[in-house]
Every structure is written in C-alpha cells, then in structure tokens.
Amino acid sequence: MKFSLKGKTAIVTGGGSGIGKAISLALSENGAVVHILELKSEYAQTTLDQIIAKGGIAKTYQCNVADQKEVKNVIGKIAKEGNIDILINNAGIAHIGNAENTQEADFDNIFNVNVKGVYNCIHATLPFMKEKGGVILNMASVAATVGISDRFAYSMSKGATLTMTYSVAKDYVNFGIRCNSISPGRVHTPFVDGFISKNYPGREKEMFDKLSKTQPIGRMGTPEEIGNLALYLCSDEASFITGTDFPIDGGYIKLNS
C-alpha cells in the first residue's frame, strides 16, 4: 500500500481540531501510532475517540507548546516508548491587526505559540531523531510569502516557521531527517465559522461566500485535503523531498497577482 506509515510513530501538535485533527486521522488511518499534543484536552479526546473507533492507536497529552519544559517532558515520555519518526508542528493561533494596532501582549503571544512553540518541539525532538532519521513537517501559511491585510503578527510568525523549515532541512539532511512545510490558503475549519459568527452576526452565509471566493478556485480548502498532503510528505514516497514549502491554496499565491 502506498503512503503506508505502518510501524511509524508520529507526534501531532494541535491535533485536537481542524487541520491538526485531519492530519492525525490521516496518519492513523495509514498505520501510524499518533501522539497528540493539545492545549485543550477535551479536543484531543474527540480525535482520540475517532482514531480508536477506526481501529487506530493514539495517545493524548495536555501540553502548552510555548512552554519548553512541558514540551521536553512530554516528548521525553514518548521517546521512551520507541522511535519518534514524524513530528508535525501544527499548533498555532491567529491574530488580526496591523503594525500600529497590534499590542505588545498580542505580538508576544503569537510569537510564543507560533514561533517558539515550533522551536520547542523541534529542539526537543531532534536528539531522538538523529540516530535513525525522521520527518519534520511544519504548518506555515500563504501569509509567509504574500502580503495579507491585517495579519502583521501572524504573517511574522509564519515567515519564521518557513525559514526555520529551511534551516532545519539544511542542518540535518546528513542525519536522514527531512524537513518541509505546508502553506495552506483559507481552509474551512471551526475557527473560520467562529470568526464569521463573531464578527458578522446575521451575515454568516454572505461572508462565508465572500471569503470562499478569495481563493481563485472558488472555494475554501478542507482539513482533509491538508491531511492528505501531510500524509504524502511524511511517507517514504516523499523520501526525495526536503527543504521545500508546499502551498495548498486554491491558486491564491500565483493567481491573485
């Protein structure tokens, strides 16, 4: 079977909802044992229940990726059970604002989760991957490479994620570690629905259609589509790919210029 991850162990941060949940399910359905790191344990439990119901194997850990001590403790526990073959850095938060109205506390929060969180997980995992190799996959964004209005701090964080990807790929290629990133466009997740209902009450359908049409292909992506790309990049079929970012954006980057 192509894209089989049988015998592989994967860590997915933010694996309790949205894209992270879809990635966790895709990896599990193709044979991986999935360890879900999630700030909100109730979200992780929902994903865990679905994996188990489909005959998969998974474990959950309540963990704040911005806290290096917590991350090292959890990843150390996972490593005691065997190899860590795959690390998916998916956990992240969003922020709306430009350089003037973004407050310092908001900037620090975005940095701590989206940048330091990625660093913390890579930093803690690399020592366990160096002996037998592995795959690191970071969740970047189209905001890392194109200008998007009112996404100052968020774009900063995803730009950092993109360049951390290149750096790790370069430094650890001789250890058999591949590092790539995915840059989604707008994806229909519970976050999008919550954002629309909060900011545009009574206009949900209108705004959903408007946001969908910002993608040249005419719709938002689905979490499952991102999960399928992640599955491929983590599989042996992608063994010749490292140091590369993969936009999955309905043509947003190339067709909007």
C-alpha atoms as a PDB file:
ATOM      1  CA  MET A   1       0.000   0.000   0.000  1.00  0.00           C
ATOM      2  CA  LYS A   2       1.364   3.391  -0.959  1.00  0.00           C
ATOM      3  CA  PHE A   3       1.783   6.045   1.738  1.00  0.00           C
ATOM      4  CA  SER A   4       1.842   3.380   4.436  1.00  0.00           C
ATOM      5  CA  LEU A   5       3.090   4.571   7.817  1.00  0.00           C
ATOM      6  CA  LYS A   6       2.864   1.160   9.450  1.00  0.00           C
ATOM      7  CA  GLY A   7       5.379   0.887  12.274  1.00  0.00           C
ATOM      8  CA  LYS A   8       5.881   4.670  12.414  1.00  0.00           C
ATOM      9  CA  THR A   9       5.344   6.897  15.436  1.00  0.00           C
ATOM     10  CA  ALA A  10       4.063  10.418  14.862  1.00  0.00           C
ATOM     11  CA  ILE A  11       3.652  13.473  17.074  1.00  0.00           C
ATOM     12  CA  VAL A  12       0.996  15.995  16.049  1.00  0.00           C
ATOM     13  CA  THR A  13       0.726  19.275  17.941  1.00  0.00           C
ATOM     14  CA  GLY A  14      -2.686  20.889  17.991  1.00  0.00           C
ATOM     15  CA  GLY A  15      -4.120  17.588  16.811  1.00  0.00           C
ATOM     16  CA  GLY A  16      -7.470  18.025  18.503  1.00  0.00           C
ATOM     17  CA  SER A  17      -9.316  20.100  15.921  1.00  0.00           C
ATOM     18  CA  GLY A  18      -9.335  21.475  12.400  1.00  0.00           C
ATOM     19  CA  ILE A  19      -6.276  20.746  10.287  1.00  0.00           C
ATOM     20  CA  GLY A  20      -4.448  19.019  13.146  1.00  0.00           C
ATOM     21  CA  LYS A  21      -7.333  16.618  13.648  1.00  0.00           C
ATOM     22  CA  ALA A  22      -7.444  15.801   9.934  1.00  0.00           C
ATOM     23  CA  ILE A  23      -3.693  15.153   9.912  1.00  0.00           C
ATOM     24  CA  SER A  24      -3.928  12.928  12.986  1.00  0.00           C
ATOM     25  CA  LEU A  25      -6.700  10.865  11.371  1.00  0.00           C
ATOM     26  CA  ALA A  26      -4.902  10.590   8.021  1.00  0.00           C
ATOM     27  CA  LEU A  27      -1.695   9.378   9.640  1.00  0.00           C
ATOM     28  CA  SER A  28      -3.516   6.929  11.894  1.00  0.00           C
ATOM     29  CA  GLU A  29      -5.639   5.508   9.070  1.00  0.00           C
ATOM     30  CA  ASN A  30      -2.419   4.701   7.239  1.00  0.00           C
ATOM     31  CA  GLY A  31      -0.802   2.849  10.113  1.00  0.00           C
ATOM     32  CA  ALA A  32       0.982   5.390  12.303  1.00  0.00           C
ATOM     33  CA  VAL A  33       0.765   5.443  16.073  1.00  0.00           C
ATOM     34  CA  VAL A  34      -0.227   9.052  16.751  1.00  0.00           C
ATOM     35  CA  HIS A  35       0.680  11.084  19.832  1.00  0.00           C
ATOM     36  CA  ILE A  36      -1.478  14.202  20.071  1.00  0.00           C
ATOM     37  CA  LEU A  37      -0.181  17.233  21.954  1.00  0.00           C
ATOM     38  CA  GLU A  38      -3.063  19.594  22.658  1.00  0.00           C
ATOM     39  CA  LEU A  39      -3.626  22.529  24.989  1.00  0.00           C
ATOM     40  CA  LYS A  40      -7.314  21.648  25.356  1.00  0.00           C
ATOM     41  CA  SER A  41      -7.598  18.045  26.458  1.00  0.00           C
ATOM     42  CA  GLU A  42     -11.283  17.779  25.507  1.00  0.00           C
ATOM     43  CA  TYR A  43     -10.400  18.456  21.858  1.00  0.00           C
ATOM     44  CA  ALA A  44      -7.698  15.807  21.935  1.00  0.00           C
ATOM     45  CA  GLN A  45     -10.130  13.290  23.412  1.00  0.00           C
ATOM     46  CA  THR A  46     -12.536  13.750  20.494  1.00  0.00           C
ATOM     47  CA  THR A  47      -9.772  12.985  17.987  1.00  0.00           C
ATOM     48  CA  LEU A  48      -8.575  10.052  20.092  1.00  0.00           C
ATOM     49  CA  ASP A  49     -12.068   8.558  20.203  1.00  0.00           C
ATOM     50  CA  GLN A  50     -12.372   8.741  16.409  1.00  0.00           C
ATOM     51  CA  ILE A  51      -8.972   7.127  15.886  1.00  0.00           C
ATOM     52  CA  ILE A  52      -9.765   4.278  18.272  1.00  0.00           C
ATOM     53  CA  ALA A  53     -13.207   3.776  16.701  1.00  0.00           C
ATOM     54  CA  LYS A  54     -11.460   3.189  13.366  1.00  0.00           C
ATOM     55  CA  GLY A  55      -9.052   0.671  14.883  1.00  0.00           C
ATOM     56  CA  GLY A  56      -6.085   3.014  15.204  1.00  0.00           C
ATOM     57  CA  ILE A  57      -3.674   3.605  18.075  1.00  0.00           C
ATOM     58  CA  ALA A  58      -3.168   7.019  19.647  1.00  0.00           C
ATOM     59  CA  LYS A  59      -2.386   8.783  22.899  1.00  0.00           C
ATOM     60  CA  THR A  60      -3.069  12.323  24.041  1.00  0.00           C
ATOM     61  CA  TYR A  61      -1.079  14.734  26.181  1.00  0.00           C
ATOM     62  CA  GLN A  62      -2.161  18.091  27.541  1.00  0.00           C
ATOM     63  CA  CYS A  63       0.728  20.360  26.611  1.00  0.00           C
ATOM     64  CA  ASN A  64       1.382  24.048  26.029  1.00  0.00           C
ATOM     65  CA  VAL A  65       3.900  24.106  23.164  1.00  0.00           C
ATOM     66  CA  ALA A  66       5.057  27.571  24.280  1.00  0.00           C
ATOM     67  CA  ASP A  67       6.424  26.025  27.497  1.00  0.00           C
ATOM     68  CA  GLN A  68       9.746  24.330  26.739  1.00  0.00           C
ATOM     69  CA  LYS A  69       9.794  22.380  29.994  1.00  0.00           C
ATOM     70  CA  GLU A  70       6.372  20.887  29.277  1.00  0.00           C
ATOM     71  CA  VAL A  71       7.343  20.026  25.706  1.00  0.00           C
ATOM     72  CA  LYS A  72      10.595  18.319  26.724  1.00  0.00           C
ATOM     73  CA  ASN A  73       8.800  16.333  29.398  1.00  0.00           C
ATOM     74  CA  VAL A  74       6.105  15.052  27.041  1.00  0.00           C
ATOM     75  CA  ILE A  75       8.437  14.278  24.123  1.00  0.00           C
ATOM     76  CA  GLY A  76      10.830  12.542  26.508  1.00  0.00           C
ATOM     77  CA  LYS A  77       7.993  10.273  27.638  1.00  0.00           C
ATOM     78  CA  ILE A  78       7.079   9.461  24.044  1.00  0.00           C
ATOM     79  CA  ALA A  79      10.699   8.710  23.160  1.00  0.00           C
ATOM     80  CA  LYS A  80      10.920   6.150  25.985  1.00  0.00           C
ATOM     81  CA  GLU A  81       8.302   4.070  24.140  1.00  0.00           C
ATOM     82  CA  GLY A  82      10.376   3.871  20.944  1.00  0.00           C
ATOM     83  CA  ASN A  83      11.459   5.863  17.910  1.00  0.00           C
ATOM     84  CA  ILE A  84       9.943   9.206  17.016  1.00  0.00           C
ATOM     85  CA  ASP A  85       9.622   9.050  13.236  1.00  0.00           C
ATOM     86  CA  ILE A  86       7.410  12.046  12.464  1.00  0.00           C
ATOM     87  CA  LEU A  87       6.865  15.458  14.040  1.00  0.00           C
ATOM     88  CA  ILE A  88       4.017  17.651  12.781  1.00  0.00           C
ATOM     89  CA  ASN A  89       4.202  21.217  14.089  1.00  0.00           C
ATOM     90  CA  ASN A  90       0.589  22.255  13.595  1.00  0.00           C
ATOM     91  CA  ALA A  91      -0.372  24.047  16.826  1.00  0.00           C
ATOM     92  CA  GLY A  92      -0.890  27.744  16.271  1.00  0.00           C
ATOM     93  CA  ILE A  93      -3.084  30.753  16.913  1.00  0.00           C
ATOM     94  CA  ALA A  94      -4.326  33.590  14.716  1.00  0.00           C
ATOM     95  CA  HIS A  95      -4.393  37.362  15.175  1.00  0.00           C
ATOM     96  CA  ILE A  96      -5.935  40.222  13.252  1.00  0.00           C
ATOM     97  CA  GLY A  97      -4.162  43.570  13.226  1.00  0.00           C
ATOM     98  CA  ASN A  98      -1.565  45.764  11.532  1.00  0.00           C
ATOM     99  CA  ALA A  99       1.764  47.051  12.871  1.00  0.00           C
ATOM    100  CA  GLU A 100       0.091  50.001  14.620  1.00  0.00           C
ATOM    101  CA  ASN A 101      -2.814  48.387  16.397  1.00  0.00           C
ATOM    102  CA  THR A 102      -1.105  45.105  17.314  1.00  0.00           C
ATOM    103  CA  GLN A 103      -0.384  45.326  21.022  1.00  0.00           C
ATOM    104  CA  GLU A 104       2.830  44.034  22.557  1.00  0.00           C
ATOM    105  CA  ALA A 105       0.992  41.360  24.526  1.00  0.00           C
ATOM    106  CA  ASP A 106      -0.664  40.084  21.349  1.00  0.00           C
ATOM    107  CA  PHE A 107       2.648  40.061  19.479  1.00  0.00           C
ATOM    108  CA  ASP A 108       4.334  38.165  22.313  1.00  0.00           C
ATOM    109  CA  ASN A 109       1.502  35.633  22.441  1.00  0.00           C
ATOM    110  CA  ILE A 110       1.697  34.941  18.703  1.00  0.00           C
ATOM    111  CA  PHE A 111       5.477  34.622  18.923  1.00  0.00           C
ATOM    112  CA  ASN A 112       5.388  32.283  21.916  1.00  0.00           C
ATOM    113  CA  VAL A 113       2.919  29.841  20.356  1.00  0.00           C
ATOM    114  CA  ASN A 114       3.599  30.034  16.623  1.00  0.00           C
ATOM    115  CA  VAL A 115       7.367  30.556  16.645  1.00  0.00           C
ATOM    116  CA  LYS A 116       8.726  29.437  19.990  1.00  0.00           C
ATOM    117  CA  GLY A 117       6.276  26.534  20.025  1.00  0.00           C
ATOM    118  CA  VAL A 118       7.678  25.221  16.751  1.00  0.00           C
ATOM    119  CA  TYR A 119      11.228  25.726  18.006  1.00  0.00           C
ATOM    120  CA  ASN A 120      10.461  23.979  21.307  1.00  0.00           C
ATOM    121  CA  CYS A 121       9.108  20.871  19.589  1.00  0.00           C
ATOM    122  CA  ILE A 122      11.917  20.676  17.033  1.00  0.00           C
ATOM    123  CA  HIS A 123      14.540  21.308  19.731  1.00  0.00           C
ATOM    124  CA  ALA A 124      13.126  18.537  21.929  1.00  0.00           C
ATOM    125  CA  THR A 125      12.649  16.003  19.116  1.00  0.00           C
ATOM    126  CA  LEU A 126      15.881  16.276  17.109  1.00  0.00           C
ATOM    127  CA  PRO A 127      18.091  14.416  19.613  1.00  0.00           C
ATOM    128  CA  PHE A 128      15.773  11.394  19.330  1.00  0.00           C
ATOM    129  CA  MET A 129      15.576  11.548  15.532  1.00  0.00           C
ATOM    130  CA  LYS A 130      19.273  11.911  14.763  1.00  0.00           C
ATOM    131  CA  GLU A 131      20.125   8.236  15.119  1.00  0.00           C
ATOM    132  CA  LYS A 132      17.583   6.790  12.677  1.00  0.00           C
ATOM    133  CA  GLY A 133      16.276   9.804  10.768  1.00  0.00           C
ATOM    134  CA  GLY A 134      12.754  11.097  10.515  1.00  0.00           C
ATOM    135  CA  VAL A 135      10.383  13.673   9.119  1.00  0.00           C
ATOM    136  CA  ILE A 136       9.555  17.123  10.457  1.00  0.00           C
ATOM    137  CA  LEU A 137       6.609  18.914   8.868  1.00  0.00           C
ATOM    138  CA  ASN A 138       5.775  22.494   9.834  1.00  0.00           C
ATOM    139  CA  MET A 139       2.500  24.289   9.211  1.00  0.00           C
ATOM    140  CA  ALA A 140       3.302  27.612   7.570  1.00  0.00           C
ATOM    141  CA  SER A 141       0.796  29.691   5.563  1.00  0.00           C
ATOM    142  CA  VAL A 142       0.365  31.665   2.372  1.00  0.00           C
ATOM    143  CA  ALA A 143       0.868  34.623   4.732  1.00  0.00           C
ATOM    144  CA  ALA A 144       4.540  33.637   4.956  1.00  0.00           C
ATOM    145  CA  THR A 145       5.179  34.626   1.341  1.00  0.00           C
ATOM    146  CA  VAL A 146       2.488  37.139   0.280  1.00  0.00           C
ATOM    147  CA  GLY A 147       1.107  40.260   1.913  1.00  0.00           C
ATOM    148  CA  ILE A 148      -2.291  39.829   3.592  1.00  0.00           C
ATOM    149  CA  SER A 149      -4.082  42.800   5.121  1.00  0.00           C
ATOM    150  CA  ASP A 150      -4.240  42.989   8.915  1.00  0.00           C
ATOM    151  CA  ARG A 151      -2.139  39.910   9.565  1.00  0.00           C
ATOM    152  CA  PHE A 152       1.056  41.609  10.779  1.00  0.00           C
ATOM    153  CA  ALA A 153       1.945  39.382  13.750  1.00  0.00           C
ATOM    154  CA  TYR A 154       0.524  36.236  12.203  1.00  0.00           C
ATOM    155  CA  SER A 155       2.495  36.754   8.993  1.00  0.00           C
ATOM    156  CA  MET A 156       5.647  37.334  11.050  1.00  0.00           C
ATOM    157  CA  SER A 157       5.170  34.018  12.803  1.00  0.00           C
ATOM    158  CA  LYS A 158       4.547  32.048   9.640  1.00  0.00           C
ATOM    159  CA  GLY A 159       7.521  33.649   7.904  1.00  0.00           C
ATOM    160  CA  ALA A 160       9.623  32.445  10.819  1.00  0.00           C
ATOM    161  CA  THR A 161       8.139  28.960  10.510  1.00  0.00           C
ATOM    162  CA  LEU A 162       9.039  28.874   6.832  1.00  0.00           C
ATOM    163  CA  THR A 163      12.663  29.873   7.380  1.00  0.00           C
ATOM    164  CA  MET A 164      13.050  27.522  10.355  1.00  0.00           C
ATOM    165  CA  THR A 165      11.978  24.784   7.949  1.00  0.00           C
ATOM    166  CA  TYR A 166      14.775  25.656   5.524  1.00  0.00           C
ATOM    167  CA  SER A 167      17.345  25.891   8.323  1.00  0.00           C
ATOM    168  CA  VAL A 168      16.497  22.513   9.871  1.00  0.00           C
ATOM    169  CA  ALA A 169      16.427  20.844   6.449  1.00  0.00           C
ATOM    170  CA  LYS A 170      19.925  22.173   5.711  1.00  0.00           C
ATOM    171  CA  ASP A 171      21.456  21.361   9.095  1.00  0.00           C
ATOM    172  CA  TYR A 172      20.078  17.828   9.476  1.00  0.00           C
ATOM    173  CA  VAL A 173      19.958  16.384   5.960  1.00  0.00           C
ATOM    174  CA  ASN A 174      23.025  14.267   6.720  1.00  0.00           C
ATOM    175  CA  PHE A 175      21.203  12.712   9.679  1.00  0.00           C
ATOM    176  CA  GLY A 176      18.459  11.398   7.407  1.00  0.00           C
ATOM    177  CA  ILE A 177      15.985  13.983   8.686  1.00  0.00           C
ATOM    178  CA  ARG A 178      13.695  15.592   6.140  1.00  0.00           C
ATOM    179  CA  CYS A 179      12.037  18.917   6.977  1.00  0.00           C
ATOM    180  CA  ASN A 180       9.313  20.524   4.870  1.00  0.00           C
ATOM    181  CA  SER A 181       6.390  22.864   5.375  1.00  0.00           C
ATOM    182  CA  ILE A 182       2.837  23.238   4.136  1.00  0.00           C
ATOM    183  CA  SER A 183       1.337  26.665   3.370  1.00  0.00           C
ATOM    184  CA  PRO A 184      -2.458  26.479   3.317  1.00  0.00           C
ATOM    185  CA  GLY A 185      -4.687  29.173   1.938  1.00  0.00           C
ATOM    186  CA  ARG A 186      -8.069  29.659   3.568  1.00  0.00           C
ATOM    187  CA  VAL A 187      -9.326  26.343   4.941  1.00  0.00           C
ATOM    188  CA  HIS A 188     -12.842  25.740   6.257  1.00  0.00           C
ATOM    189  CA  THR A 189     -12.318  24.902   9.914  1.00  0.00           C
ATOM    190  CA  PRO A 190     -14.353  25.573  13.084  1.00  0.00           C
ATOM    191  CA  PHE A 191     -12.113  28.633  13.579  1.00  0.00           C
ATOM    192  CA  VAL A 192     -13.434  30.173  10.343  1.00  0.00           C
ATOM    193  CA  ASP A 193     -17.050  29.562  11.352  1.00  0.00           C
ATOM    194  CA  GLY A 194     -16.405  31.069  14.792  1.00  0.00           C
ATOM    195  CA  PHE A 195     -14.669  34.099  13.306  1.00  0.00           C
ATOM    196  CA  ILE A 196     -17.553  34.781  10.920  1.00  0.00           C
ATOM    197  CA  SER A 197     -20.286  34.361  13.538  1.00  0.00           C
ATOM    198  CA  LYS A 198     -18.450  36.596  15.992  1.00  0.00           C
ATOM    199  CA  ASN A 199     -17.625  39.416  13.598  1.00  0.00           C
ATOM    200  CA  TYR A 200     -20.550  39.239  11.137  1.00  0.00           C
ATOM    201  CA  PRO A 201     -23.674  38.121  13.046  1.00  0.00           C
ATOM    202  CA  GLY A 202     -26.624  37.673  10.725  1.00  0.00           C
ATOM    203  CA  ARG A 203     -24.363  37.773   7.661  1.00  0.00           C
ATOM    204  CA  GLU A 204     -22.733  34.378   8.032  1.00  0.00           C
ATOM    205  CA  LYS A 205     -23.638  32.966   4.610  1.00  0.00           C
ATOM    206  CA  GLU A 206     -22.742  36.194   2.813  1.00  0.00           C
ATOM    207  CA  MET A 207     -19.330  36.391   4.468  1.00  0.00           C
ATOM    208  CA  PHE A 208     -18.630  32.685   4.042  1.00  0.00           C
ATOM    209  CA  ASP A 209     -19.273  33.018   0.294  1.00  0.00           C
ATOM    210  CA  LYS A 210     -17.147  36.169   0.114  1.00  0.00           C
ATOM    211  CA  LEU A 211     -14.207  34.566   1.905  1.00  0.00           C
ATOM    212  CA  SER A 212     -14.524  31.425  -0.217  1.00  0.00           C
ATOM    213  CA  LYS A 213     -14.238  33.467  -3.387  1.00  0.00           C
ATOM    214  CA  THR A 214     -10.906  34.972  -2.309  1.00  0.00           C
ATOM    215  CA  GLN A 215      -9.433  31.657  -3.440  1.00  0.00           C
ATOM    216  CA  PRO A 216      -9.203  31.662  -7.270  1.00  0.00           C
ATOM    217  CA  ILE A 217     -10.501  28.084  -7.338  1.00  0.00           C
ATOM    218  CA  GLY A 218     -13.757  29.415  -5.859  1.00  0.00           C
ATOM    219  CA  ARG A 219     -13.913  27.660  -2.503  1.00  0.00           C
ATOM    220  CA  MET A 220     -12.044  27.115   0.733  1.00  0.00           C
ATOM    221  CA  GLY A 221      -9.886  24.078   1.230  1.00  0.00           C
ATOM    222  CA  THR A 222     -10.869  21.254   3.553  1.00  0.00           C
ATOM    223  CA  PRO A 223      -8.848  19.988   6.511  1.00  0.00           C
ATOM    224  CA  GLU A 224      -8.846  16.560   4.882  1.00  0.00           C
ATOM    225  CA  GLU A 225      -7.061  17.936   1.811  1.00  0.00           C
ATOM    226  CA  ILE A 226      -4.316  19.309   4.051  1.00  0.00           C
ATOM    227  CA  GLY A 227      -4.199  15.987   5.898  1.00  0.00           C
ATOM    228  CA  ASN A 228      -3.701  14.095   2.641  1.00  0.00           C
ATOM    229  CA  LEU A 229      -0.778  16.322   1.647  1.00  0.00           C
ATOM    230  CA  ALA A 230       0.762  15.858   5.099  1.00  0.00           C
ATOM    231  CA  LEU A 231       0.374  12.096   4.762  1.00  0.00           C
ATOM    232  CA  TYR A 232       2.257  12.103   1.469  1.00  0.00           C
ATOM    233  CA  LEU A 233       5.091  14.278   2.776  1.00  0.00           C
ATOM    234  CA  CYS A 234       5.527  12.020   5.804  1.00  0.00           C
ATOM    235  CA  SER A 235       5.572   8.828   3.749  1.00  0.00           C
ATOM    236  CA  ASP A 236       8.507   7.058   2.142  1.00  0.00           C
ATOM    237  CA  GLU A 237       7.061   8.010  -1.250  1.00  0.00           C
ATOM    238  CA  ALA A 238       8.269  11.556  -0.471  1.00  0.00           C
ATOM    239  CA  SER A 239      11.763  10.440   0.560  1.00  0.00           C
ATOM    240  CA  PHE A 240      13.441  12.686  -2.045  1.00  0.00           C
ATOM    241  CA  ILE A 241      11.744  15.851  -0.735  1.00  0.00           C
ATOM    242  CA  THR A 242      13.288  18.141   1.866  1.00  0.00           C
ATOM    243  CA  GLY A 243      13.727  21.860   2.420  1.00  0.00           C
ATOM    244  CA  THR A 244      10.574  22.669   0.465  1.00  0.00           C
ATOM    245  CA  ASP A 245       7.370  24.585   1.154  1.00  0.00           C
ATOM    246  CA  PHE A 246       4.142  23.277  -0.363  1.00  0.00           C
ATOM    247  CA  PRO A 247       1.370  25.822  -0.964  1.00  0.00           C
ATOM    248  CA  ILE A 248      -2.112  24.273  -0.944  1.00  0.00           C
ATOM    249  CA  ASP A 249      -4.157  27.366  -1.583  1.00  0.00           C
ATOM    250  CA  GLY A 250      -6.574  27.042  -4.481  1.00  0.00           C
ATOM    251  CA  GLY A 251      -4.250  29.195  -6.578  1.00  0.00           C
ATOM    252  CA  TYR A 252      -4.111  32.070  -4.084  1.00  0.00           C
ATOM    253  CA  ILE A 253      -0.376  32.844  -4.323  1.00  0.00           C
ATOM    254  CA  LYS A 254       0.136  32.508  -8.055  1.00  0.00           C
ATOM    255  CA  LEU A 255      -3.238  33.509  -9.479  1.00  0.00           C
ATOM    256  CA  ASN A 256      -4.062  36.570  -7.355  1.00  0.00           C
ATOM    257  CA  SER A 257      -1.155  38.692  -8.588  1.00  0.00           C
END
